[in-house]
Amino acid sequence: MAIISENELTGNARSLWLKALSSLEQRQLDYAISLLQATVKEVPNFLDGRKALRRAEIQKKKSEKKKLFVLGGSGLGVMKIKN
């Protein structure tokens, strides 16, 4: 199982890869992840695609945690205890 480089991608896989890179630059993580998943599905030996997919998933998870923390903290400050 030989590793495929970006230069060896052809046709649809190359198009998906370039769109995914563009989406990553624009921080459109959901769209980039879907494109990268399609690329890796089509070309399983494409290591750079797998690495980019993993980075995008990690970035998305980190951003979700930050949003959850911000939303959770603001709700607590507003709560009042009534006797």
PDB file of N, CA and C in Angstrom:
ATOM      1  N   MET A   1       0.845  -1.175   0.000  1.00  0.00           N
ATOM      2  CA  MET A   1       0.000   0.000   0.000  1.00  0.00           C
ATOM      3  C   MET A   1       0.895   1.243   0.000  1.00  0.00           C
ATOM      4  N   ALA A   2       1.078   1.833  -1.150  1.00  0.00           N
ATOM      5  CA  ALA A   2       1.938   2.997  -1.305  1.00  0.00           C
ATOM      6  C   ALA A   2       1.179   4.272  -0.981  1.00  0.00           C
ATOM      7  N   ILE A   3       1.872   5.188  -0.338  1.00  0.00           N
ATOM      8  CA  ILE A   3       1.284   6.482   0.011  1.00  0.00           C
ATOM      9  C   ILE A   3       1.222   7.359  -1.233  1.00  0.00           C
ATOM     10  N   ILE A   4       0.084   8.003  -1.428  1.00  0.00           N
ATOM     11  CA  ILE A   4      -0.129   8.866  -2.587  1.00  0.00           C
ATOM     12  C   ILE A   4       0.081  10.316  -2.167  1.00  0.00           C
ATOM     13  N   SER A   5       0.783  11.071  -3.004  1.00  0.00           N
ATOM     14  CA  SER A   5       1.019  12.490  -2.714  1.00  0.00           C
ATOM     15  C   SER A   5      -0.026  13.352  -3.431  1.00  0.00           C
ATOM     16  N   GLU A   6      -0.014  14.627  -3.092  1.00  0.00           N
ATOM     17  CA  GLU A   6      -0.958  15.568  -3.705  1.00  0.00           C
ATOM     18  C   GLU A   6      -0.790  15.616  -5.224  1.00  0.00           C
ATOM     19  N   ASN A   7       0.437  15.521  -5.682  1.00  0.00           N
ATOM     20  CA  ASN A   7       0.709  15.594  -7.124  1.00  0.00           C
ATOM     21  C   ASN A   7       0.156  14.396  -7.879  1.00  0.00           C
ATOM     22  N   GLU A   8      -0.078  13.292  -7.193  1.00  0.00           N
ATOM     23  CA  GLU A   8      -0.564  12.078  -7.840  1.00  0.00           C
ATOM     24  C   GLU A   8      -2.087  11.976  -7.874  1.00  0.00           C
ATOM     25  N   LEU A   9      -2.780  12.918  -7.258  1.00  0.00           N
ATOM     26  CA  LEU A   9      -4.242  12.911  -7.285  1.00  0.00           C
ATOM     27  C   LEU A   9      -4.737  13.225  -8.696  1.00  0.00           C
ATOM     28  N   THR A  10      -5.828  12.599  -9.061  1.00  0.00           N
ATOM     29  CA  THR A  10      -6.382  12.840 -10.396  1.00  0.00           C
ATOM     30  C   THR A  10      -7.864  13.173 -10.296  1.00  0.00           C
ATOM     31  N   GLY A  11      -8.343  13.888 -11.272  1.00  0.00           N
ATOM     32  CA  GLY A  11      -9.764  14.148 -11.466  1.00  0.00           C
ATOM     33  C   GLY A  11     -10.524  14.652 -10.256  1.00  0.00           C
ATOM     34  N   ASN A  12     -11.529  13.883  -9.866  1.00  0.00           N
ATOM     35  CA  ASN A  12     -12.447  14.282  -8.808  1.00  0.00           C
ATOM     36  C   ASN A  12     -11.730  14.425  -7.462  1.00  0.00           C
ATOM     37  N   ALA A  13     -10.810  13.536  -7.165  1.00  0.00           N
ATOM     38  CA  ALA A  13     -10.094  13.592  -5.884  1.00  0.00           C
ATOM     39  C   ALA A  13      -9.297  14.893  -5.767  1.00  0.00           C
ATOM     40  N   ARG A  14      -8.666  15.301  -6.843  1.00  0.00           N
ATOM     41  CA  ARG A  14      -7.894  16.554  -6.837  1.00  0.00           C
ATOM     42  C   ARG A  14      -8.819  17.755  -6.625  1.00  0.00           C
ATOM     43  N   SER A  15      -9.969  17.742  -7.289  1.00  0.00           N
ATOM     44  CA  SER A  15     -10.931  18.829  -7.148  1.00  0.00           C
ATOM     45  C   SER A  15     -11.446  18.914  -5.710  1.00  0.00           C
ATOM     46  N   LEU A  16     -11.782  17.769  -5.129  1.00  0.00           N
ATOM     47  CA  LEU A  16     -12.242  17.741  -3.742  1.00  0.00           C
ATOM     48  C   LEU A  16     -11.168  18.257  -2.793  1.00  0.00           C
ATOM     49  N   TRP A  17      -9.930  17.851  -3.020  1.00  0.00           N
ATOM     50  CA  TRP A  17      -8.816  18.252  -2.168  1.00  0.00           C
ATOM     51  C   TRP A  17      -8.612  19.766  -2.201  1.00  0.00           C
ATOM     52  N   LEU A  18      -8.636  20.343  -3.392  1.00  0.00           N
ATOM     53  CA  LEU A  18      -8.428  21.788  -3.520  1.00  0.00           C
ATOM     54  C   LEU A  18      -9.575  22.580  -2.883  1.00  0.00           C
ATOM     55  N   LYS A  19     -10.810  22.103  -3.056  1.00  0.00           N
ATOM     56  CA  LYS A  19     -11.948  22.756  -2.411  1.00  0.00           C
ATOM     57  C   LYS A  19     -11.841  22.651  -0.891  1.00  0.00           C
ATOM     58  N   ALA A  20     -11.385  21.504  -0.404  1.00  0.00           N
ATOM     59  CA  ALA A  20     -11.226  21.305   1.040  1.00  0.00           C
ATOM     60  C   ALA A  20     -10.177  22.254   1.604  1.00  0.00           C
ATOM     61  N   LEU A  21      -9.066  22.409   0.906  1.00  0.00           N
ATOM     62  CA  LEU A  21      -8.026  23.337   1.365  1.00  0.00           C
ATOM     63  C   LEU A  21      -8.554  24.764   1.427  1.00  0.00           C
ATOM     64  N   SER A  22      -9.310  25.143   0.418  1.00  0.00           N
ATOM     65  CA  SER A  22      -9.910  26.475   0.393  1.00  0.00           C
ATOM     66  C   SER A  22     -10.881  26.659   1.563  1.00  0.00           C
ATOM     67  N   SER A  23     -11.674  25.649   1.832  1.00  0.00           N
ATOM     68  CA  SER A  23     -12.631  25.713   2.945  1.00  0.00           C
ATOM     69  C   SER A  23     -11.916  25.802   4.287  1.00  0.00           C
ATOM     70  N   LEU A  24     -10.804  25.104   4.427  1.00  0.00           N
ATOM     71  CA  LEU A  24     -10.027  25.167   5.662  1.00  0.00           C
ATOM     72  C   LEU A  24      -9.482  26.574   5.889  1.00  0.00           C
ATOM     73  N   GLU A  25      -9.007  27.203   4.824  1.00  0.00           N
ATOM     74  CA  GLU A  25      -8.483  28.566   4.931  1.00  0.00           C
ATOM     75  C   GLU A  25      -9.577  29.539   5.375  1.00  0.00           C
ATOM     76  N   GLN A  26     -10.808  29.279   4.953  1.00  0.00           N
ATOM     77  CA  GLN A  26     -11.928  30.148   5.293  1.00  0.00           C
ATOM     78  C   GLN A  26     -12.604  29.730   6.598  1.00  0.00           C
ATOM     79  N   ARG A  27     -12.046  28.716   7.263  1.00  0.00           N
ATOM     80  CA  ARG A  27     -12.537  28.199   8.548  1.00  0.00           C
ATOM     81  C   ARG A  27     -13.970  27.668   8.457  1.00  0.00           C
ATOM     82  N   GLN A  28     -14.317  27.119   7.302  1.00  0.00           N
ATOM     83  CA  GLN A  28     -15.597  26.439   7.121  1.00  0.00           C
ATOM     84  C   GLN A  28     -15.365  24.956   7.400  1.00  0.00           C
ATOM     85  N   LEU A  29     -15.275  24.631   8.676  1.00  0.00           N
ATOM     86  CA  LEU A  29     -14.818  23.309   9.079  1.00  0.00           C
ATOM     87  C   LEU A  29     -15.774  22.189   8.684  1.00  0.00           C
ATOM     88  N   ASP A  30     -17.063  22.382   8.823  1.00  0.00           N
ATOM     89  CA  ASP A  30     -18.011  21.326   8.473  1.00  0.00           C
ATOM     90  C   ASP A  30     -17.917  20.948   7.003  1.00  0.00           C
ATOM     91  N   TYR A  31     -17.872  21.948   6.148  1.00  0.00           N
ATOM     92  CA  TYR A  31     -17.766  21.698   4.706  1.00  0.00           C
ATOM     93  C   TYR A  31     -16.422  21.062   4.366  1.00  0.00           C
ATOM     94  N   ALA A  32     -15.351  21.563   4.967  1.00  0.00           N
ATOM     95  CA  ALA A  32     -14.023  21.010   4.714  1.00  0.00           C
ATOM     96  C   ALA A  32     -13.956  19.551   5.144  1.00  0.00           C
ATOM     97  N   ILE A  33     -14.539  19.238   6.292  1.00  0.00           N
ATOM     98  CA  ILE A  33     -14.527  17.851   6.775  1.00  0.00           C
ATOM     99  C   ILE A  33     -15.276  16.939   5.804  1.00  0.00           C
ATOM    100  N   SER A  34     -16.409  17.388   5.314  1.00  0.00           N
ATOM    101  CA  SER A  34     -17.165  16.539   4.379  1.00  0.00           C
ATOM    102  C   SER A  34     -16.383  16.321   3.078  1.00  0.00           C
ATOM    103  N   LEU A  35     -15.711  17.360   2.593  1.00  0.00           N
ATOM    104  CA  LEU A  35     -14.899  17.214   1.381  1.00  0.00           C
ATOM    105  C   LEU A  35     -13.702  16.297   1.620  1.00  0.00           C
ATOM    106  N   LEU A  36     -13.066  16.446   2.766  1.00  0.00           N
ATOM    107  CA  LEU A  36     -11.911  15.606   3.080  1.00  0.00           C
ATOM    108  C   LEU A  36     -12.314  14.147   3.270  1.00  0.00           C
ATOM    109  N   GLN A  37     -13.470  13.922   3.865  1.00  0.00           N
ATOM    110  CA  GLN A  37     -13.958  12.550   4.011  1.00  0.00           C
ATOM    111  C   GLN A  37     -14.188  11.910   2.646  1.00  0.00           C
ATOM    112  N   ALA A  38     -14.754  12.666   1.729  1.00  0.00           N
ATOM    113  CA  ALA A  38     -14.980  12.154   0.372  1.00  0.00           C
ATOM    114  C   ALA A  38     -13.657  11.870  -0.331  1.00  0.00           C
ATOM    115  N   THR A  39     -12.676  12.747  -0.123  1.00  0.00           N
ATOM    116  CA  THR A  39     -11.362  12.560  -0.744  1.00  0.00           C
ATOM    117  C   THR A  39     -10.692  11.301  -0.219  1.00  0.00           C
ATOM    118  N   VAL A  40     -10.707  11.137   1.090  1.00  0.00           N
ATOM    119  CA  VAL A  40     -10.055   9.979   1.698  1.00  0.00           C
ATOM    120  C   VAL A  40     -10.793   8.686   1.337  1.00  0.00           C
ATOM    121  N   LYS A  41     -12.100   8.771   1.195  1.00  0.00           N
ATOM    122  CA  LYS A  41     -12.868   7.595   0.785  1.00  0.00           C
ATOM    123  C   LYS A  41     -12.495   7.176  -0.635  1.00  0.00           C
ATOM    124  N   GLU A  42     -12.307   8.178  -1.483  1.00  0.00           N
ATOM    125  CA  GLU A  42     -11.968   7.895  -2.884  1.00  0.00           C
ATOM    126  C   GLU A  42     -10.517   7.437  -3.033  1.00  0.00           C
ATOM    127  N   VAL A  43      -9.613   8.041  -2.246  1.00  0.00           N
ATOM    128  CA  VAL A  43      -8.183   7.710  -2.320  1.00  0.00           C
ATOM    129  C   VAL A  43      -7.692   7.409  -0.896  1.00  0.00           C
ATOM    130  N   PRO A  44      -7.881   6.175  -0.424  1.00  0.00           N
ATOM    131  CA  PRO A  44      -7.534   5.837   0.961  1.00  0.00           C
ATOM    132  C   PRO A  44      -6.048   5.995   1.308  1.00  0.00           C
ATOM    133  N   ASN A  45      -5.183   5.933   0.338  1.00  0.00           N
ATOM    134  CA  ASN A  45      -3.734   6.016   0.586  1.00  0.00           C
ATOM    135  C   ASN A  45      -3.212   7.447   0.605  1.00  0.00           C
ATOM    136  N   PHE A  46      -4.079   8.425   0.536  1.00  0.00           N
ATOM    137  CA  PHE A  46      -3.677   9.831   0.494  1.00  0.00           C
ATOM    138  C   PHE A  46      -3.445  10.326   1.922  1.00  0.00           C
ATOM    139  N   LEU A  47      -2.198  10.246   2.371  1.00  0.00           N
ATOM    140  CA  LEU A  47      -1.839  10.550   3.754  1.00  0.00           C
ATOM    141  C   LEU A  47      -2.078  12.019   4.112  1.00  0.00           C
ATOM    142  N   ASP A  48      -1.748  12.950   3.227  1.00  0.00           N
ATOM    143  CA  ASP A  48      -1.963  14.376   3.510  1.00  0.00           C
ATOM    144  C   ASP A  48      -3.451  14.670   3.724  1.00  0.00           C
ATOM    145  N   GLY A  49      -4.300  13.990   2.986  1.00  0.00           N
ATOM    146  CA  GLY A  49      -5.735  14.160   3.158  1.00  0.00           C
ATOM    147  C   GLY A  49      -6.195  13.667   4.517  1.00  0.00           C
ATOM    148  N   ARG A  50      -5.657  12.539   4.947  1.00  0.00           N
ATOM    149  CA  ARG A  50      -6.009  11.991   6.261  1.00  0.00           C
ATOM    150  C   ARG A  50      -5.548  12.925   7.385  1.00  0.00           C
ATOM    151  N   LYS A  51      -4.344  13.465   7.229  1.00  0.00           N
ATOM    152  CA  LYS A  51      -3.816  14.394   8.241  1.00  0.00           C
ATOM    153  C   LYS A  51      -4.666  15.662   8.314  1.00  0.00           C
ATOM    154  N   ALA A  52      -5.026  16.194   7.160  1.00  0.00           N
ATOM    155  CA  ALA A  52      -5.841  17.409   7.117  1.00  0.00           C
ATOM    156  C   ALA A  52      -7.224  17.147   7.722  1.00  0.00           C
ATOM    157  N   LEU A  53      -7.781  15.975   7.442  1.00  0.00           N
ATOM    158  CA  LEU A  53      -9.084  15.613   8.002  1.00  0.00           C
ATOM    159  C   LEU A  53      -9.010  15.561   9.521  1.00  0.00           C
ATOM    160  N   ARG A  54      -7.977  14.950  10.040  1.00  0.00           N
ATOM    161  CA  ARG A  54      -7.836  14.839  11.492  1.00  0.00           C
ATOM    162  C   ARG A  54      -7.665  16.220  12.141  1.00  0.00           C
ATOM    163  N   ARG A  55      -6.848  17.092  11.515  1.00  0.00           N
ATOM    164  CA  ARG A  55      -6.657  18.452  12.047  1.00  0.00           C
ATOM    165  C   ARG A  55      -7.971  19.222  12.058  1.00  0.00           C
ATOM    166  N   ALA A  56      -8.742  19.099  10.982  1.00  0.00           N
ATOM    167  CA  ALA A  56     -10.021  19.808  10.889  1.00  0.00           C
ATOM    168  C   ALA A  56     -10.994  19.311  11.959  1.00  0.00           C
ATOM    169  N   GLU A  57     -11.014  18.005  12.181  1.00  0.00           N
ATOM    170  CA  GLU A  57     -11.905  17.454  13.206  1.00  0.00           C
ATOM    171  C   GLU A  57     -11.508  17.939  14.601  1.00  0.00           C
ATOM    172  N   ILE A  58     -10.210  18.023  14.858  1.00  0.00           N
ATOM    173  CA  ILE A  58      -9.722  18.502  16.151  1.00  0.00           C
ATOM    174  C   ILE A  58     -10.076  19.976  16.334  1.00  0.00           C
ATOM    175  N   GLN A  59      -9.871  20.782  15.295  1.00  0.00           N
ATOM    176  CA  GLN A  59     -10.225  22.206  15.370  1.00  0.00           C
ATOM    177  C   GLN A  59     -11.711  22.381  15.645  1.00  0.00           C
ATOM    178  N   LYS A  60     -12.537  21.585  14.990  1.00  0.00           N
ATOM    179  CA  LYS A  60     -13.979  21.688  15.181  1.00  0.00           C
ATOM    180  C   LYS A  60     -14.337  21.335  16.619  1.00  0.00           C
ATOM    181  N   LYS A  61     -13.752  20.280  17.146  1.00  0.00           N
ATOM    182  CA  LYS A  61     -14.041  19.859  18.511  1.00  0.00           C
ATOM    183  C   LYS A  61     -13.621  20.927  19.519  1.00  0.00           C
ATOM    184  N   LYS A  62     -12.446  21.538  19.289  1.00  0.00           N
ATOM    185  CA  LYS A  62     -11.982  22.594  20.183  1.00  0.00           C
ATOM    186  C   LYS A  62     -12.914  23.802  20.141  1.00  0.00           C
ATOM    187  N   SER A  63     -13.376  24.176  18.970  1.00  0.00           N
ATOM    188  CA  SER A  63     -14.266  25.332  18.863  1.00  0.00           C
ATOM    189  C   SER A  63     -15.618  25.040  19.513  1.00  0.00           C
ATOM    190  N   GLU A  64     -16.084  23.797  19.450  1.00  0.00           N
ATOM    191  CA  GLU A  64     -17.340  23.425  20.101  1.00  0.00           C
ATOM    192  C   GLU A  64     -17.193  23.513  21.619  1.00  0.00           C
ATOM    193  N   LYS A  65     -16.057  23.099  22.137  1.00  0.00           N
ATOM    194  CA  LYS A  65     -15.828  23.168  23.579  1.00  0.00           C
ATOM    195  C   LYS A  65     -15.787  24.611  24.049  1.00  0.00           C
ATOM    196  N   LYS A  66     -15.158  25.496  23.286  1.00  0.00           N
ATOM    197  CA  LYS A  66     -15.093  26.906  23.657  1.00  0.00           C
ATOM    198  C   LYS A  66     -16.483  27.515  23.680  1.00  0.00           C
ATOM    199  N   LYS A  67     -17.305  27.194  22.687  1.00  0.00           N
ATOM    200  CA  LYS A  67     -18.662  27.734  22.638  1.00  0.00           C
ATOM    201  C   LYS A  67     -19.474  27.232  23.827  1.00  0.00           C
ATOM    202  N   LEU A  68     -19.326  25.972  24.150  1.00  0.00           N
ATOM    203  CA  LEU A  68     -20.061  25.400  25.262  1.00  0.00           C
ATOM    204  C   LEU A  68     -19.663  26.068  26.568  1.00  0.00           C
ATOM    205  N   PHE A  69     -18.380  26.312  26.741  1.00  0.00           N
ATOM    206  CA  PHE A  69     -17.889  26.951  27.950  1.00  0.00           C
ATOM    207  C   PHE A  69     -18.418  28.374  28.067  1.00  0.00           C
ATOM    208  N   VAL A  70     -18.390  29.109  26.989  1.00  0.00           N
ATOM    209  CA  VAL A  70     -18.863  30.495  27.000  1.00  0.00           C
ATOM    210  C   VAL A  70     -20.354  30.540  27.305  1.00  0.00           C
ATOM    211  N   LEU A  71     -21.133  29.676  26.677  1.00  0.00           N
ATOM    212  CA  LEU A  71     -22.574  29.673  26.908  1.00  0.00           C
ATOM    213  C   LEU A  71     -22.900  29.198  28.317  1.00  0.00           C
ATOM    214  N   GLY A  72     -22.177  28.197  28.789  1.00  0.00           N
ATOM    215  CA  GLY A  72     -22.436  27.676  30.115  1.00  0.00           C
ATOM    216  C   GLY A  72     -22.091  28.681  31.196  1.00  0.00           C
ATOM    217  N   GLY A  73     -21.028  29.418  31.040  1.00  0.00           N
ATOM    218  CA  GLY A  73     -20.608  30.384  32.050  1.00  0.00           C
ATOM    219  C   GLY A  73     -21.520  31.579  32.148  1.00  0.00           C
ATOM    220  N   SER A  74     -22.061  32.049  31.041  1.00  0.00           N
ATOM    221  CA  SER A  74     -22.909  33.231  31.080  1.00  0.00           C
ATOM    222  C   SER A  74     -24.253  32.934  31.738  1.00  0.00           C
ATOM    223  N   GLY A  75     -24.751  31.731  31.598  1.00  0.00           N
ATOM    224  CA  GLY A  75     -26.023  31.361  32.212  1.00  0.00           C
ATOM    225  C   GLY A  75     -25.936  31.316  33.731  1.00  0.00           C
ATOM    226  N   LEU A  76     -24.797  30.928  34.236  1.00  0.00           N
ATOM    227  CA  LEU A  76     -24.635  30.829  35.676  1.00  0.00           C
ATOM    228  C   LEU A  76     -24.602  32.199  36.347  1.00  0.00           C
ATOM    229  N   GLY A  77     -24.075  33.183  35.659  1.00  0.00           N
ATOM    230  CA  GLY A  77     -23.982  34.528  36.241  1.00  0.00           C
ATOM    231  C   GLY A  77     -25.339  35.186  36.377  1.00  0.00           C
ATOM    232  N   VAL A  78     -26.301  34.789  35.597  1.00  0.00           N
ATOM    233  CA  VAL A  78     -27.612  35.413  35.586  1.00  0.00           C
ATOM    234  C   VAL A  78     -28.550  34.761  36.604  1.00  0.00           C
ATOM    235  N   MET A  79     -28.271  33.526  36.966  1.00  0.00           N
ATOM    236  CA  MET A  79     -29.151  32.799  37.875  1.00  0.00           C
ATOM    237  C   MET A  79     -29.169  33.437  39.275  1.00  0.00           C
ATOM    238  N   LYS A  80     -30.348  33.490  39.870  1.00  0.00           N
ATOM    239  CA  LYS A  80     -30.498  34.002  41.241  1.00  0.00           C
ATOM    240  C   LYS A  80     -31.231  32.941  42.056  1.00  0.00           C
ATOM    241  N   ILE A  81     -30.831  32.830  43.286  1.00  0.00           N
ATOM    242  CA  ILE A  81     -31.482  31.868  44.168  1.00  0.00           C
ATOM    243  C   ILE A  81     -32.543  32.605  44.961  1.00  0.00           C
ATOM    244  N   LYS A  82     -33.774  32.074  44.941  1.00  0.00           N
ATOM    245  CA  LYS A  82     -34.887  32.690  45.687  1.00  0.00           C
ATOM    246  C   LYS A  82     -35.170  31.826  46.898  1.00  0.00           C
ATOM    247  N   ASN A  83     -35.404  32.461  48.014  1.00  0.00           N
ATOM    248  CA  ASN A  83     -35.758  31.740  49.239  1.00  0.00           C
ATOM    249  C   ASN A  83     -37.244  31.685  49.425  1.00  0.00           C
TER     250      ASN A  83
END
